[in-house]
Amino acid sequence: MKEGSKMSGKTDKILKKMKWAKEELYRSFSKEEGDRIWKAVHVRLEGYLEEYADIPEGERMHTDSRIFPMAAIYLSIKDAAGEEFAFDFIRTKIHRKRRRLLRFLYEEVS
C-alpha cells in the first residue's frame, strides 16, 4: 500500500485511537525498537483492512476498531519479543486501561 493512500489514511485514523497502546509500547521498548514495532503494527493492520475489506459494515465497527488493531499489536510485539512477552503486554495494558475506565466511571457516578 502506498503512503498517503486511502487505506493508509484509515489505518492512521484507527491507530490514533490506540494512543494508549503506543505509549505503553514506548514504555516497554527503546525508541528505536518501539518505532520498528509500531511500523510493523501499521503495516500489519493495513494488510488486515485490505484483506478483509468485504466484511459487512455492521461488523466493521468491531473488526476495525478492536480486533484487527489488537491482533496487529500482539503479533508485532510477538515477532519482536516473543509470545510470552506479547501476551503479558496485552493482558497487562488492557487491565490498566480497564481500571482507568472503571475509576473514571466511578468518579462520574459518585
N, C-alpha and C. Protein backbone atom coordinates (compact mmCIF):
# COMPACT_ATOMS: atom_id res chain seq x y z
N MET A 1 0.86 -1.19 0.00
CA MET A 1 0.00 0.00 0.00
C MET A 1 0.90 1.23 0.00
N LYS A 2 0.60 2.17 -0.86
CA LYS A 2 1.41 3.37 -0.97
C LYS A 2 1.07 4.36 0.14
N GLU A 3 2.11 5.08 0.57
CA GLU A 3 1.96 6.12 1.59
C GLU A 3 0.94 7.14 1.10
N GLY A 4 0.04 7.55 1.97
CA GLY A 4 -0.96 8.55 1.61
C GLY A 4 -2.18 7.98 0.92
N SER A 5 -2.24 6.66 0.77
CA SER A 5 -3.39 6.06 0.12
C SER A 5 -4.61 6.12 1.04
N LYS A 6 -5.76 5.80 0.49
CA LYS A 6 -7.00 5.80 1.28
C LYS A 6 -6.89 4.82 2.45
N MET A 7 -6.34 3.63 2.20
CA MET A 7 -6.22 2.63 3.24
C MET A 7 -5.23 3.09 4.31
N SER A 8 -4.14 3.71 3.90
CA SER A 8 -3.15 4.21 4.86
C SER A 8 -3.77 5.27 5.76
N GLY A 9 -4.61 6.13 5.19
CA GLY A 9 -5.30 7.14 5.99
C GLY A 9 -6.23 6.52 7.01
N LYS A 10 -6.91 5.47 6.62
CA LYS A 10 -7.82 4.76 7.54
C LYS A 10 -7.00 4.10 8.65
N THR A 11 -5.88 3.50 8.28
CA THR A 11 -5.00 2.86 9.27
C THR A 11 -4.50 3.89 10.27
N ASP A 12 -4.06 5.03 9.79
CA ASP A 12 -3.59 6.10 10.68
C ASP A 12 -4.69 6.53 11.64
N LYS A 13 -5.89 6.69 11.13
CA LYS A 13 -7.03 7.12 11.96
C LYS A 13 -7.32 6.10 13.06
N ILE A 14 -7.30 4.82 12.71
CA ILE A 14 -7.55 3.77 13.70
C ILE A 14 -6.46 3.76 14.76
N LEU A 15 -5.21 3.85 14.33
CA LEU A 15 -4.10 3.78 15.28
C LEU A 15 -4.01 5.01 16.17
N LYS A 16 -4.51 6.15 15.71
CA LYS A 16 -4.55 7.32 16.58
C LYS A 16 -5.43 7.06 17.80
N LYS A 17 -6.45 6.24 17.63
CA LYS A 17 -7.33 5.90 18.74
C LYS A 17 -6.68 4.87 19.67
N MET A 18 -5.59 4.28 19.24
CA MET A 18 -4.86 3.30 20.05
C MET A 18 -3.64 3.96 20.69
N LYS A 19 -3.74 5.25 20.96
CA LYS A 19 -2.63 6.02 21.52
C LYS A 19 -2.10 5.38 22.80
N TRP A 20 -3.00 4.87 23.64
CA TRP A 20 -2.59 4.25 24.89
C TRP A 20 -1.66 3.07 24.64
N ALA A 21 -1.92 2.30 23.59
CA ALA A 21 -1.08 1.14 23.28
C ALA A 21 0.29 1.59 22.80
N LYS A 22 0.31 2.63 22.00
CA LYS A 22 1.59 3.14 21.51
C LYS A 22 2.42 3.69 22.68
N GLU A 23 1.79 4.41 23.58
CA GLU A 23 2.51 4.94 24.75
C GLU A 23 3.07 3.80 25.59
N GLU A 24 2.29 2.77 25.81
CA GLU A 24 2.76 1.61 26.58
C GLU A 24 3.89 0.89 25.86
N LEU A 25 3.79 0.82 24.55
CA LEU A 25 4.83 0.19 23.76
C LEU A 25 6.16 0.91 23.95
N TYR A 26 6.13 2.24 23.92
CA TYR A 26 7.36 3.01 24.07
C TYR A 26 7.87 3.00 25.51
N ARG A 27 7.02 2.66 26.46
CA ARG A 27 7.48 2.48 27.83
C ARG A 27 8.22 1.15 27.99
N SER A 28 7.86 0.19 27.16
CA SER A 28 8.41 -1.16 27.28
C SER A 28 9.64 -1.39 26.40
N PHE A 29 9.83 -0.57 25.39
CA PHE A 29 10.92 -0.76 24.44
C PHE A 29 11.69 0.54 24.24
N SER A 30 12.89 0.43 23.70
CA SER A 30 13.66 1.62 23.33
C SER A 30 12.91 2.35 22.21
N LYS A 31 13.27 3.59 21.98
CA LYS A 31 12.61 4.36 20.93
C LYS A 31 12.77 3.68 19.58
N GLU A 32 13.98 3.20 19.29
CA GLU A 32 14.24 2.56 18.00
C GLU A 32 13.40 1.29 17.84
N GLU A 33 13.37 0.47 18.89
CA GLU A 33 12.60 -0.77 18.83
C GLU A 33 11.10 -0.45 18.79
N GLY A 34 10.68 0.55 19.56
CA GLY A 34 9.28 0.97 19.54
C GLY A 34 8.87 1.46 18.16
N ASP A 35 9.73 2.24 17.52
CA ASP A 35 9.45 2.72 16.16
C ASP A 35 9.30 1.55 15.19
N ARG A 36 10.21 0.58 15.31
CA ARG A 36 10.18 -0.57 14.41
C ARG A 36 8.90 -1.39 14.62
N ILE A 37 8.55 -1.60 15.89
CA ILE A 37 7.34 -2.39 16.18
C ILE A 37 6.09 -1.64 15.74
N TRP A 38 6.02 -0.33 16.01
CA TRP A 38 4.82 0.43 15.63
C TRP A 38 4.65 0.47 14.12
N LYS A 39 5.76 0.54 13.39
CA LYS A 39 5.67 0.49 11.92
C LYS A 39 5.14 -0.88 11.49
N ALA A 40 5.58 -1.94 12.16
CA ALA A 40 5.08 -3.29 11.84
C ALA A 40 3.58 -3.39 12.15
N VAL A 41 3.16 -2.75 13.24
CA VAL A 41 1.73 -2.72 13.59
C VAL A 41 0.95 -2.06 12.45
N HIS A 42 1.45 -0.93 11.99
CA HIS A 42 0.79 -0.18 10.91
C HIS A 42 0.67 -1.03 9.65
N VAL A 43 1.77 -1.66 9.25
CA VAL A 43 1.78 -2.48 8.03
C VAL A 43 0.82 -3.66 8.17
N ARG A 44 0.87 -4.31 9.32
CA ARG A 44 0.01 -5.48 9.55
C ARG A 44 -1.47 -5.08 9.55
N LEU A 45 -1.81 -3.98 10.25
CA LEU A 45 -3.20 -3.52 10.30
C LEU A 45 -3.68 -3.15 8.91
N GLU A 46 -2.85 -2.45 8.17
CA GLU A 46 -3.23 -2.07 6.81
C GLU A 46 -3.50 -3.32 5.96
N GLY A 47 -2.71 -4.35 6.15
CA GLY A 47 -2.93 -5.60 5.43
C GLY A 47 -4.26 -6.24 5.79
N TYR A 48 -4.60 -6.23 7.09
CA TYR A 48 -5.89 -6.78 7.52
C TYR A 48 -7.04 -6.01 6.91
N LEU A 49 -6.95 -4.69 6.94
CA LEU A 49 -8.03 -3.86 6.40
C LEU A 49 -8.23 -4.11 4.91
N GLU A 50 -7.13 -4.31 4.23
CA GLU A 50 -7.19 -4.56 2.79
C GLU A 50 -7.72 -5.97 2.51
N GLU A 51 -7.20 -6.96 3.24
CA GLU A 51 -7.59 -8.35 3.01
C GLU A 51 -9.05 -8.62 3.35
N TYR A 52 -9.55 -7.95 4.37
CA TYR A 52 -10.92 -8.19 4.83
C TYR A 52 -11.85 -7.01 4.54
N ALA A 53 -11.61 -6.34 3.45
CA ALA A 53 -12.40 -5.16 3.08
C ALA A 53 -13.87 -5.50 2.79
N ASP A 54 -14.16 -6.76 2.55
CA ASP A 54 -15.53 -7.14 2.20
C ASP A 54 -16.38 -7.52 3.42
N ILE A 55 -15.87 -7.33 4.62
CA ILE A 55 -16.66 -7.59 5.83
C ILE A 55 -17.83 -6.60 5.86
N PRO A 56 -19.04 -7.07 6.19
CA PRO A 56 -20.20 -6.18 6.23
C PRO A 56 -19.98 -4.99 7.17
N GLU A 57 -20.54 -3.87 6.80
CA GLU A 57 -20.35 -2.61 7.54
C GLU A 57 -20.68 -2.75 9.02
N GLY A 58 -21.74 -3.45 9.37
CA GLY A 58 -22.12 -3.61 10.77
C GLY A 58 -21.08 -4.32 11.61
N GLU A 59 -20.31 -5.19 11.00
CA GLU A 59 -19.26 -5.92 11.71
C GLU A 59 -17.94 -5.16 11.73
N ARG A 60 -17.78 -4.24 10.80
CA ARG A 60 -16.51 -3.50 10.68
C ARG A 60 -16.21 -2.67 11.93
N MET A 61 -17.25 -2.23 12.61
CA MET A 61 -17.03 -1.44 13.83
C MET A 61 -16.15 -2.23 14.80
N HIS A 62 -16.42 -3.52 14.93
CA HIS A 62 -15.66 -4.35 15.87
C HIS A 62 -14.31 -4.76 15.30
N THR A 63 -14.31 -5.18 14.05
CA THR A 63 -13.05 -5.65 13.47
C THR A 63 -12.05 -4.50 13.31
N ASP A 64 -12.52 -3.37 12.82
CA ASP A 64 -11.59 -2.27 12.52
C ASP A 64 -11.14 -1.52 13.77
N SER A 65 -11.99 -1.43 14.77
CA SER A 65 -11.61 -0.61 15.93
C SER A 65 -10.97 -1.42 17.05
N ARG A 66 -11.19 -2.72 17.12
CA ARG A 66 -10.66 -3.51 18.23
C ARG A 66 -9.89 -4.75 17.78
N ILE A 67 -10.56 -5.62 17.04
CA ILE A 67 -9.97 -6.93 16.74
C ILE A 67 -8.70 -6.81 15.91
N PHE A 68 -8.78 -6.14 14.78
CA PHE A 68 -7.60 -6.03 13.91
C PHE A 68 -6.46 -5.24 14.56
N PRO A 69 -6.73 -4.08 15.17
CA PRO A 69 -5.61 -3.36 15.80
C PRO A 69 -4.94 -4.17 16.91
N MET A 70 -5.73 -4.83 17.75
CA MET A 70 -5.13 -5.60 18.84
C MET A 70 -4.35 -6.80 18.31
N ALA A 71 -4.85 -7.43 17.26
CA ALA A 71 -4.11 -8.54 16.65
C ALA A 71 -2.80 -8.03 16.06
N ALA A 72 -2.84 -6.89 15.40
CA ALA A 72 -1.63 -6.31 14.80
C ALA A 72 -0.61 -5.96 15.89
N ILE A 73 -1.08 -5.40 16.99
CA ILE A 73 -0.18 -5.05 18.09
C ILE A 73 0.42 -6.32 18.70
N TYR A 74 -0.43 -7.27 19.04
CA TYR A 74 0.04 -8.51 19.65
C TYR A 74 1.06 -9.22 18.76
N LEU A 75 0.73 -9.43 17.50
CA LEU A 75 1.61 -10.19 16.62
C LEU A 75 2.91 -9.45 16.32
N SER A 76 2.86 -8.13 16.26
CA SER A 76 4.08 -7.36 16.02
C SER A 76 5.00 -7.41 17.23
N ILE A 77 4.43 -7.34 18.42
CA ILE A 77 5.24 -7.47 19.64
C ILE A 77 5.77 -8.90 19.76
N LYS A 78 4.93 -9.87 19.43
CA LYS A 78 5.35 -11.27 19.48
C LYS A 78 6.57 -11.50 18.58
N ASP A 79 6.55 -10.93 17.39
CA ASP A 79 7.69 -11.06 16.47
C ASP A 79 8.96 -10.45 17.06
N ALA A 80 8.81 -9.37 17.81
CA ALA A 80 9.97 -8.66 18.35
C ALA A 80 10.46 -9.23 19.68
N ALA A 81 9.54 -9.70 20.53
CA ALA A 81 9.93 -10.05 21.90
C ALA A 81 9.44 -11.41 22.37
N GLY A 82 8.74 -12.13 21.53
CA GLY A 82 8.28 -13.45 21.90
C GLY A 82 6.84 -13.48 22.37
N GLU A 83 6.29 -14.68 22.34
CA GLU A 83 4.87 -14.87 22.65
C GLU A 83 4.51 -14.52 24.09
N GLU A 84 5.33 -14.95 25.03
CA GLU A 84 5.01 -14.70 26.44
C GLU A 84 4.99 -13.20 26.75
N PHE A 85 6.00 -12.48 26.25
CA PHE A 85 6.04 -11.04 26.49
C PHE A 85 4.84 -10.36 25.83
N ALA A 86 4.53 -10.75 24.60
CA ALA A 86 3.41 -10.13 23.89
C ALA A 86 2.09 -10.36 24.62
N PHE A 87 1.89 -11.59 25.09
CA PHE A 87 0.66 -11.90 25.82
C PHE A 87 0.58 -11.08 27.10
N ASP A 88 1.67 -11.03 27.86
CA ASP A 88 1.69 -10.24 29.10
C ASP A 88 1.47 -8.76 28.83
N PHE A 89 2.06 -8.26 27.74
CA PHE A 89 1.90 -6.86 27.36
C PHE A 89 0.42 -6.54 27.15
N ILE A 90 -0.24 -7.33 26.33
CA ILE A 90 -1.65 -7.09 26.02
C ILE A 90 -2.50 -7.24 27.27
N ARG A 91 -2.32 -8.30 28.00
CA ARG A 91 -3.12 -8.56 29.20
C ARG A 91 -2.95 -7.44 30.23
N THR A 92 -1.72 -7.05 30.49
CA THR A 92 -1.43 -6.01 31.48
C THR A 92 -1.95 -4.65 31.03
N LYS A 93 -1.73 -4.32 29.79
CA LYS A 93 -2.14 -2.99 29.29
C LYS A 93 -3.65 -2.87 29.22
N ILE A 94 -4.32 -3.92 28.82
CA ILE A 94 -5.79 -3.88 28.78
C ILE A 94 -6.34 -3.77 30.20
N HIS A 95 -5.74 -4.49 31.12
CA HIS A 95 -6.17 -4.42 32.52
C HIS A 95 -6.02 -2.99 33.06
N ARG A 96 -4.89 -2.35 32.77
CA ARG A 96 -4.68 -0.96 33.21
C ARG A 96 -5.71 -0.03 32.62
N LYS A 97 -5.96 -0.19 31.32
CA LYS A 97 -6.93 0.67 30.64
C LYS A 97 -8.32 0.47 31.24
N ARG A 98 -8.68 -0.78 31.52
CA ARG A 98 -9.98 -1.07 32.11
C ARG A 98 -10.09 -0.46 33.51
N ARG A 99 -9.03 -0.56 34.30
CA ARG A 99 -9.04 0.04 35.64
C ARG A 99 -9.23 1.54 35.57
N ARG A 100 -8.55 2.20 34.64
CA ARG A 100 -8.71 3.66 34.49
C ARG A 100 -10.14 4.00 34.10
N LEU A 101 -10.72 3.22 33.20
CA LEU A 101 -12.10 3.46 32.77
C LEU A 101 -13.06 3.27 33.94
N LEU A 102 -12.89 2.20 34.69
CA LEU A 102 -13.77 1.95 35.84
C LEU A 102 -13.63 3.05 36.89
N ARG A 103 -12.40 3.49 37.12
CA ARG A 103 -12.18 4.58 38.08
C ARG A 103 -12.89 5.85 37.61
N PHE A 104 -12.78 6.15 36.31
CA PHE A 104 -13.45 7.32 35.76
C PHE A 104 -14.97 7.22 35.92
N LEU A 105 -15.51 6.05 35.57
CA LEU A 105 -16.96 5.86 35.70
C LEU A 105 -17.42 5.98 37.14
N TYR A 106 -16.64 5.42 38.07
CA TYR A 106 -16.99 5.51 39.48
C TYR A 106 -17.02 6.96 39.95
N GLU A 107 -16.02 7.73 39.51
CA GLU A 107 -15.97 9.15 39.89
C GLU A 107 -17.13 9.93 39.28
N GLU A 108 -17.54 9.57 38.10
CA GLU A 108 -18.65 10.25 37.45
C GLU A 108 -19.98 9.96 38.16
N VAL A 109 -20.13 8.77 38.67
CA VAL A 109 -21.38 8.36 39.31
C VAL A 109 -21.43 8.86 40.77
N SER A 110 -20.28 8.96 41.39
CA SER A 110 -20.22 9.37 42.81
C SER A 110 -20.53 10.82 43.01
